[in-house]
């Protein structure tokens, strides 16, 4: 199946993405310039709507990043991972106890 660039309509010269190489370079350049302008104006470079919190992002974007980084691609959330780790520790401790008892 042939893919086409979503901007210029030419046949894709890359295996993934929605932009051809030329449009991707242009898009990246425009995005960098826009983020610089947002920073100069004191707005969050991520969303461009709210004032910056600290020197990188607004409170909302920091919170969204924190929440999304706690959820992994496997679909586990942080609490489930902690429970899995606790179960694993208990199993290892039980194994160590069994080994000591057999000696």
N, C-alpha and C. Protein backbone atom coordinates (compact mmCIF):
# COMPACT_ATOMS: atom_id res chain seq x y z
N UNK A 1 0.84 -1.18 0.00
CA UNK A 1 0.00 0.00 0.00
C UNK A 1 0.89 1.25 0.00
N UNK A 2 0.64 2.14 -0.90
CA UNK A 2 1.43 3.35 -1.02
C UNK A 2 0.83 4.42 -0.13
N UNK A 3 1.70 5.08 0.66
CA UNK A 3 1.25 6.16 1.53
C UNK A 3 1.62 7.49 0.88
N UNK A 4 0.84 8.51 1.21
CA UNK A 4 1.09 9.85 0.68
C UNK A 4 1.23 10.84 1.82
N UNK A 5 2.03 11.86 1.59
CA UNK A 5 2.24 12.92 2.58
C UNK A 5 0.93 13.65 2.82
N UNK A 6 0.63 13.92 4.09
CA UNK A 6 -0.63 14.58 4.41
C UNK A 6 -0.62 16.08 4.11
N UNK A 7 0.56 16.64 3.80
CA UNK A 7 0.64 18.07 3.51
C UNK A 7 0.69 18.33 2.02
N UNK A 8 1.69 17.72 1.35
CA UNK A 8 1.89 18.03 -0.07
C UNK A 8 1.24 16.99 -1.00
N UNK A 9 0.92 15.82 -0.49
CA UNK A 9 0.26 14.80 -1.30
C UNK A 9 1.21 13.94 -2.12
N UNK A 10 2.51 14.17 -1.97
CA UNK A 10 3.47 13.35 -2.71
C UNK A 10 3.59 11.97 -2.08
N UNK A 11 4.12 11.03 -2.86
CA UNK A 11 4.33 9.69 -2.32
C UNK A 11 5.38 9.76 -1.21
N UNK A 12 5.16 9.00 -0.13
CA UNK A 12 6.05 9.05 1.03
C UNK A 12 7.44 8.52 0.69
N UNK A 13 8.47 9.21 1.20
CA UNK A 13 9.84 8.75 1.03
C UNK A 13 10.40 8.25 2.36
N UNK A 14 9.50 8.05 3.34
CA UNK A 14 9.86 7.49 4.64
C UNK A 14 8.93 6.31 4.92
N UNK A 15 9.35 5.41 5.82
CA UNK A 15 8.54 4.24 6.11
C UNK A 15 7.42 4.53 7.10
N UNK A 16 7.63 5.49 8.00
CA UNK A 16 6.62 5.78 9.01
C UNK A 16 6.32 7.26 9.04
N UNK A 17 5.24 7.64 9.70
CA UNK A 17 4.87 9.03 9.83
C UNK A 17 3.85 9.46 8.80
N UNK A 18 3.51 10.74 8.85
CA UNK A 18 2.50 11.28 7.94
C UNK A 18 3.06 12.36 7.03
N UNK A 19 4.34 12.76 7.25
CA UNK A 19 4.97 13.79 6.44
C UNK A 19 6.11 13.19 5.62
N UNK A 20 6.31 13.72 4.41
CA UNK A 20 7.51 13.35 3.65
C UNK A 20 8.69 14.09 4.29
N UNK A 21 9.90 13.79 3.87
CA UNK A 21 11.07 14.38 4.51
C UNK A 21 11.08 15.91 4.42
N UNK A 22 10.74 16.45 3.27
CA UNK A 22 10.76 17.91 3.09
C UNK A 22 9.71 18.58 3.99
N UNK A 23 8.51 18.03 4.03
CA UNK A 23 7.45 18.61 4.86
C UNK A 23 7.75 18.43 6.35
N UNK A 24 8.41 17.32 6.70
CA UNK A 24 8.78 17.09 8.09
C UNK A 24 9.78 18.13 8.56
N UNK A 25 10.78 18.43 7.74
CA UNK A 25 11.76 19.46 8.09
C UNK A 25 11.07 20.82 8.29
N UNK A 26 10.17 21.15 7.39
CA UNK A 26 9.45 22.41 7.47
C UNK A 26 8.58 22.44 8.73
N UNK A 27 7.88 21.35 9.01
CA UNK A 27 7.02 21.25 10.19
C UNK A 27 7.83 21.39 11.47
N UNK A 28 8.97 20.71 11.56
CA UNK A 28 9.82 20.78 12.75
C UNK A 28 10.35 22.19 12.96
N UNK A 29 10.76 22.85 11.88
CA UNK A 29 11.28 24.21 11.99
C UNK A 29 10.19 25.16 12.49
N UNK A 30 8.98 25.06 11.94
CA UNK A 30 7.87 25.91 12.37
C UNK A 30 7.52 25.65 13.83
N UNK A 31 7.53 24.39 14.24
CA UNK A 31 7.20 24.04 15.62
C UNK A 31 8.23 24.61 16.59
N UNK A 32 9.52 24.51 16.24
CA UNK A 32 10.58 25.06 17.10
C UNK A 32 10.42 26.57 17.25
N UNK A 33 10.15 27.26 16.14
CA UNK A 33 9.98 28.71 16.17
C UNK A 33 8.77 29.09 17.02
N UNK A 34 7.69 28.36 16.89
CA UNK A 34 6.48 28.64 17.66
C UNK A 34 6.73 28.45 19.16
N UNK A 35 7.44 27.39 19.51
CA UNK A 35 7.74 27.15 20.93
C UNK A 35 8.65 28.24 21.50
N UNK A 36 9.60 28.72 20.70
CA UNK A 36 10.45 29.83 21.14
C UNK A 36 9.62 31.08 21.41
N UNK A 37 8.68 31.36 20.52
CA UNK A 37 7.80 32.53 20.70
C UNK A 37 6.96 32.40 21.96
N UNK A 38 6.42 31.22 22.20
CA UNK A 38 5.64 30.99 23.41
C UNK A 38 6.47 31.26 24.66
N UNK A 39 7.72 30.76 24.66
CA UNK A 39 8.60 30.97 25.81
C UNK A 39 8.90 32.45 26.02
N UNK A 40 9.14 33.19 24.93
CA UNK A 40 9.41 34.62 25.03
C UNK A 40 8.23 35.36 25.66
N UNK A 41 7.02 34.91 25.36
CA UNK A 41 5.81 35.55 25.88
C UNK A 41 5.44 35.05 27.27
N UNK A 42 6.21 34.07 27.79
CA UNK A 42 5.93 33.55 29.13
C UNK A 42 4.84 32.49 29.15
N UNK A 43 4.52 31.96 27.97
CA UNK A 43 3.51 30.91 27.89
C UNK A 43 4.18 29.54 27.83
N UNK A 44 3.43 28.53 28.21
CA UNK A 44 3.94 27.16 28.17
C UNK A 44 4.25 26.78 26.72
N UNK A 45 5.46 26.31 26.44
CA UNK A 45 5.80 25.94 25.07
C UNK A 45 5.10 24.65 24.63
N UNK A 46 4.58 23.91 25.58
CA UNK A 46 3.90 22.66 25.26
C UNK A 46 2.49 22.90 24.74
N UNK A 47 1.69 23.68 25.50
CA UNK A 47 0.30 23.91 25.09
C UNK A 47 0.08 25.30 24.51
N UNK A 48 0.92 26.28 24.89
CA UNK A 48 0.81 27.63 24.35
C UNK A 48 -0.36 28.43 24.90
N UNK A 49 -1.01 27.94 25.96
CA UNK A 49 -2.19 28.62 26.48
C UNK A 49 -2.00 29.20 27.87
N UNK A 50 -1.28 28.51 28.72
CA UNK A 50 -1.20 28.90 30.12
C UNK A 50 0.20 29.43 30.45
N UNK A 51 0.30 30.25 31.51
CA UNK A 51 1.62 30.75 31.90
C UNK A 51 2.52 29.62 32.36
N UNK A 52 3.83 29.80 32.16
CA UNK A 52 4.79 28.76 32.53
C UNK A 52 4.87 28.61 34.03
N UNK A 53 5.11 27.38 34.46
CA UNK A 53 5.34 27.04 35.86
C UNK A 53 6.80 26.63 35.95
N UNK A 54 7.62 27.41 36.67
CA UNK A 54 9.05 27.15 36.66
C UNK A 54 9.63 27.66 35.35
N UNK A 55 10.44 26.86 34.71
CA UNK A 55 11.08 27.34 33.48
C UNK A 55 10.76 26.47 32.27
N UNK A 56 9.96 25.41 32.43
CA UNK A 56 9.71 24.54 31.29
C UNK A 56 8.26 24.51 30.81
N UNK A 57 7.34 24.19 31.70
CA UNK A 57 5.96 23.96 31.28
C UNK A 57 4.99 24.56 32.29
N UNK A 58 3.71 24.59 31.92
CA UNK A 58 2.68 25.05 32.85
C UNK A 58 2.33 23.91 33.82
N UNK A 59 1.64 24.24 34.89
CA UNK A 59 1.28 23.23 35.90
C UNK A 59 0.46 22.11 35.27
N UNK A 60 -0.45 22.47 34.39
CA UNK A 60 -1.32 21.46 33.76
C UNK A 60 -0.49 20.46 32.95
N UNK A 61 0.44 20.95 32.14
CA UNK A 61 1.26 20.07 31.30
C UNK A 61 2.19 19.20 32.15
N UNK A 62 2.71 19.76 33.24
CA UNK A 62 3.56 18.98 34.14
C UNK A 62 2.74 17.86 34.76
N UNK A 63 1.52 18.18 35.18
CA UNK A 63 0.64 17.18 35.80
C UNK A 63 0.25 16.09 34.79
N UNK A 64 -0.07 16.48 33.58
CA UNK A 64 -0.42 15.51 32.55
C UNK A 64 0.76 14.59 32.27
N UNK A 65 1.96 15.16 32.18
CA UNK A 65 3.16 14.36 31.93
C UNK A 65 3.39 13.38 33.08
N UNK A 66 3.19 13.85 34.31
CA UNK A 66 3.38 12.99 35.48
C UNK A 66 2.41 11.82 35.45
N UNK A 67 1.16 12.11 35.13
CA UNK A 67 0.15 11.04 35.09
C UNK A 67 0.43 10.05 33.97
N UNK A 68 0.79 10.55 32.80
CA UNK A 68 1.02 9.64 31.67
C UNK A 68 2.31 8.87 31.83
N UNK A 69 3.30 9.44 32.51
CA UNK A 69 4.54 8.70 32.69
C UNK A 69 4.39 7.59 33.73
N UNK A 70 3.36 7.68 34.58
CA UNK A 70 3.10 6.63 35.55
C UNK A 70 2.39 5.44 34.92
N UNK A 71 1.84 5.62 33.75
CA UNK A 71 1.16 4.54 33.05
C UNK A 71 2.08 4.04 31.94
N UNK A 72 2.39 2.78 31.95
CA UNK A 72 3.31 2.23 30.97
C UNK A 72 2.57 1.69 29.77
N UNK A 73 3.29 1.40 28.71
CA UNK A 73 2.70 0.91 27.47
C UNK A 73 1.96 -0.40 27.66
N UNK A 74 2.35 -1.16 28.67
CA UNK A 74 1.70 -2.45 28.91
C UNK A 74 0.31 -2.29 29.51
N UNK A 75 -0.06 -1.10 29.88
CA UNK A 75 -1.37 -0.86 30.43
C UNK A 75 -1.40 -0.89 31.95
N UNK A 76 -0.28 -1.23 32.57
CA UNK A 76 -0.22 -1.22 34.03
C UNK A 76 -0.16 0.20 34.53
N UNK A 77 -0.79 0.46 35.65
CA UNK A 77 -0.55 1.74 36.28
C UNK A 77 0.41 1.54 37.44
N UNK A 78 0.82 2.58 38.08
CA UNK A 78 1.87 2.52 39.09
C UNK A 78 1.47 1.62 40.26
N UNK A 79 0.20 1.68 40.68
CA UNK A 79 -0.24 0.87 41.82
C UNK A 79 -0.16 -0.62 41.51
N UNK A 80 -0.56 -1.00 40.31
CA UNK A 80 -0.49 -2.41 39.93
C UNK A 80 0.96 -2.89 39.89
N UNK A 81 1.86 -2.04 39.41
CA UNK A 81 3.28 -2.42 39.38
C UNK A 81 3.84 -2.59 40.79
N UNK A 82 3.43 -1.72 41.72
CA UNK A 82 3.89 -1.84 43.10
C UNK A 82 3.40 -3.14 43.71
N UNK A 83 2.13 -3.49 43.43
CA UNK A 83 1.60 -4.75 43.95
C UNK A 83 2.35 -5.94 43.38
N UNK A 84 2.65 -5.89 42.09
CA UNK A 84 3.42 -6.97 41.46
C UNK A 84 4.80 -7.10 42.09
N UNK A 85 5.45 -5.97 42.38
CA UNK A 85 6.77 -6.00 43.01
C UNK A 85 6.69 -6.58 44.42
N UNK A 86 5.64 -6.21 45.16
CA UNK A 86 5.47 -6.75 46.51
C UNK A 86 5.27 -8.26 46.47
N UNK A 87 4.47 -8.73 45.54
CA UNK A 87 4.25 -10.17 45.40
C UNK A 87 5.55 -10.89 45.06
N UNK A 88 6.32 -10.30 44.16
CA UNK A 88 7.60 -10.89 43.77
C UNK A 88 8.56 -10.96 44.95
N UNK A 89 8.61 -9.88 45.75
CA UNK A 89 9.47 -9.88 46.94
C UNK A 89 9.05 -10.97 47.92
N UNK A 90 7.75 -11.10 48.12
CA UNK A 90 7.24 -12.14 49.03
C UNK A 90 7.62 -13.52 48.54
N UNK A 91 7.48 -13.76 47.24
CA UNK A 91 7.83 -15.06 46.68
C UNK A 91 9.32 -15.35 46.86
N UNK A 92 10.16 -14.35 46.64
CA UNK A 92 11.60 -14.53 46.82
C UNK A 92 11.95 -14.81 48.29
N UNK A 93 11.30 -14.09 49.19
CA UNK A 93 11.53 -14.33 50.62
C UNK A 93 11.10 -15.74 51.00
N UNK A 94 9.97 -16.19 50.49
CA UNK A 94 9.48 -17.55 50.78
C UNK A 94 10.46 -18.59 50.24
N UNK A 95 11.00 -18.35 49.07
CA UNK A 95 11.99 -19.26 48.48
C UNK A 95 13.24 -19.34 49.36
N UNK A 96 13.69 -18.17 49.81
CA UNK A 96 14.88 -18.12 50.68
C UNK A 96 14.63 -18.84 51.98
N UNK A 97 13.45 -18.72 52.54
CA UNK A 97 13.11 -19.41 53.78
C UNK A 97 13.11 -20.91 53.55
N UNK A 98 12.51 -21.35 52.42
CA UNK A 98 12.48 -22.79 52.09
C UNK A 98 13.88 -23.34 51.92
N UNK A 99 14.76 -22.58 51.27
CA UNK A 99 16.13 -23.03 51.06
C UNK A 99 16.86 -23.19 52.40
N UNK A 100 16.63 -22.24 53.33
CA UNK A 100 17.26 -22.30 54.63
C UNK A 100 16.74 -23.51 55.42
N UNK A 101 15.44 -23.81 55.29
CA UNK A 101 14.84 -24.93 56.01
C UNK A 101 15.37 -26.27 55.50
N UNK A 102 15.66 -26.37 54.20
CA UNK A 102 16.14 -27.62 53.63
C UNK A 102 17.61 -27.87 53.97
N UNK A 103 18.34 -26.84 54.32
CA UNK A 103 19.79 -27.01 54.63
C UNK A 103 19.96 -27.57 55.95
